C-alpha cells in the first residue's frame, strides 16, 4: 500500500470516532468568526499546506507561525482558535 493510501486509511479510522465531526464543526465555526470573509486566504493557505504535504509537522508549523504573527484577539488568536486547532490535530 502506498503512502497516500495509508494516510487516507488512518484518517478514515480517526474520522469514524463519534466526536470527530462535532469537534471539527465547532472549530470551523470558530474559524468563521475569527477570519470572516476578509481573511479567507488564511484558511486557503492552511488547506493548501494540508493537501500538499505528508508531514503533520508542516501543518502544525504553519499554524504556530500564523498564531505567533496574529495580534491579540484577532484572526488565529480570536477565541484561541490557533491553539485549539493545533491541539485538535495533535
Protein backbone atom coordinates (compact mmCIF):
# COMPACT_ATOMS: atom_id res chain seq x y z
CA UNK A 1 0.00 0.00 0.00
CA UNK A 2 1.45 3.39 -0.97
CA UNK A 3 1.93 6.29 1.47
CA UNK A 4 -1.12 8.22 0.26
CA UNK A 5 -3.44 5.26 0.78
CA UNK A 6 -2.02 4.66 4.28
CA UNK A 7 -2.79 8.26 5.21
CA UNK A 8 -6.32 8.03 3.83
CA UNK A 9 -6.93 4.82 5.78
CA UNK A 10 -5.65 6.31 9.05
CA UNK A 11 -7.70 9.49 8.63
CA UNK A 12 -10.81 7.41 7.93
CA UNK A 13 -10.25 5.40 11.11
CA UNK A 14 -9.99 8.56 13.21
CA UNK A 15 -12.96 10.12 11.44
CA UNK A 16 -15.14 7.17 12.42
CA UNK A 17 -14.99 8.26 16.05
CA UNK A 18 -18.25 9.84 17.18
CA UNK A 19 -16.82 13.17 18.32
CA UNK A 20 -14.59 13.82 15.30
CA UNK A 21 -17.14 15.65 13.15
CA UNK A 22 -18.73 17.54 16.04
CA UNK A 23 -15.34 18.88 17.13
CA UNK A 24 -14.39 19.71 13.54
CA UNK A 25 -17.65 21.58 13.04
CA UNK A 26 -17.09 23.58 16.23
CA UNK A 27 -13.58 24.55 15.07
CA UNK A 28 -15.00 25.55 11.68
CA UNK A 29 -17.49 27.84 13.36
CA UNK A 30 -14.72 29.45 15.43
CA UNK A 31 -12.63 29.90 12.26
CA UNK A 32 -15.57 31.53 10.51
CA UNK A 33 -15.98 34.05 13.32
CA UNK A 34 -12.22 34.62 13.61
CA UNK A 35 -11.49 35.20 9.94
CA UNK A 36 -14.75 36.13 8.27
CA UNK A 37 -14.64 36.93 4.57
CA UNK A 38 -11.75 39.37 4.68
CA UNK A 39 -9.12 36.80 5.65
CA UNK A 40 -10.35 33.76 3.76
CA UNK A 41 -6.85 33.45 2.28
CA UNK A 42 -5.59 32.27 5.68
CA UNK A 43 -7.80 29.18 5.50
CA UNK A 44 -6.95 28.67 1.84
CA UNK A 45 -3.24 28.68 2.72
CA UNK A 46 -3.84 26.17 5.51
CA UNK A 47 -5.82 23.93 3.13
CA UNK A 48 -3.06 24.11 0.51
CA UNK A 49 -0.41 23.07 3.01
CA UNK A 50 -2.57 20.27 4.41
CA UNK A 51 -3.25 18.94 0.91
CA UNK A 52 0.32 19.14 -0.34
CA UNK A 53 2.37 17.68 2.49
CA UNK A 54 2.71 14.24 4.01
CA UNK A 55 4.01 15.58 7.32
CA UNK A 56 1.70 16.75 10.06
CA UNK A 57 4.53 18.87 11.43
CA UNK A 58 4.36 21.10 8.34
CA UNK A 59 0.72 21.87 9.09
CA UNK A 60 1.43 22.41 12.79
CA UNK A 61 4.37 24.70 11.96
CA UNK A 62 2.13 26.81 9.71
CA UNK A 63 -0.48 27.12 12.46
CA UNK A 64 2.15 28.09 15.05
CA UNK A 65 3.69 30.67 12.70
CA UNK A 66 0.34 32.27 11.91
CA UNK A 67 -0.67 32.26 15.58
CA UNK A 68 2.59 34.00 16.52
CA UNK A 69 2.08 36.67 13.84
CA UNK A 70 -1.52 37.45 14.85
CA UNK A 71 -2.40 40.41 17.00
CA UNK A 72 -4.10 39.84 20.33
CA UNK A 73 -7.71 38.68 19.90
CA UNK A 74 -7.54 38.74 16.08
CA UNK A 75 -7.50 36.00 13.46
CA UNK A 76 -5.60 32.98 14.78
CA UNK A 77 -5.78 34.23 18.37
CA UNK A 78 -9.50 35.04 18.39
CA UNK A 79 -11.27 32.58 20.70
CA UNK A 80 -7.87 30.85 20.92
CA UNK A 81 -8.52 29.30 17.51
CA UNK A 82 -4.86 28.60 16.66
CA UNK A 83 -4.20 26.70 19.87
CA UNK A 84 -7.47 24.78 19.67
CA UNK A 85 -6.76 23.73 16.09
CA UNK A 86 -3.21 22.72 16.98
CA UNK A 87 -4.40 20.56 19.88
CA UNK A 88 -7.12 19.03 17.71
CA UNK A 89 -4.59 17.99 15.07
CA UNK A 90 -2.12 16.70 17.62
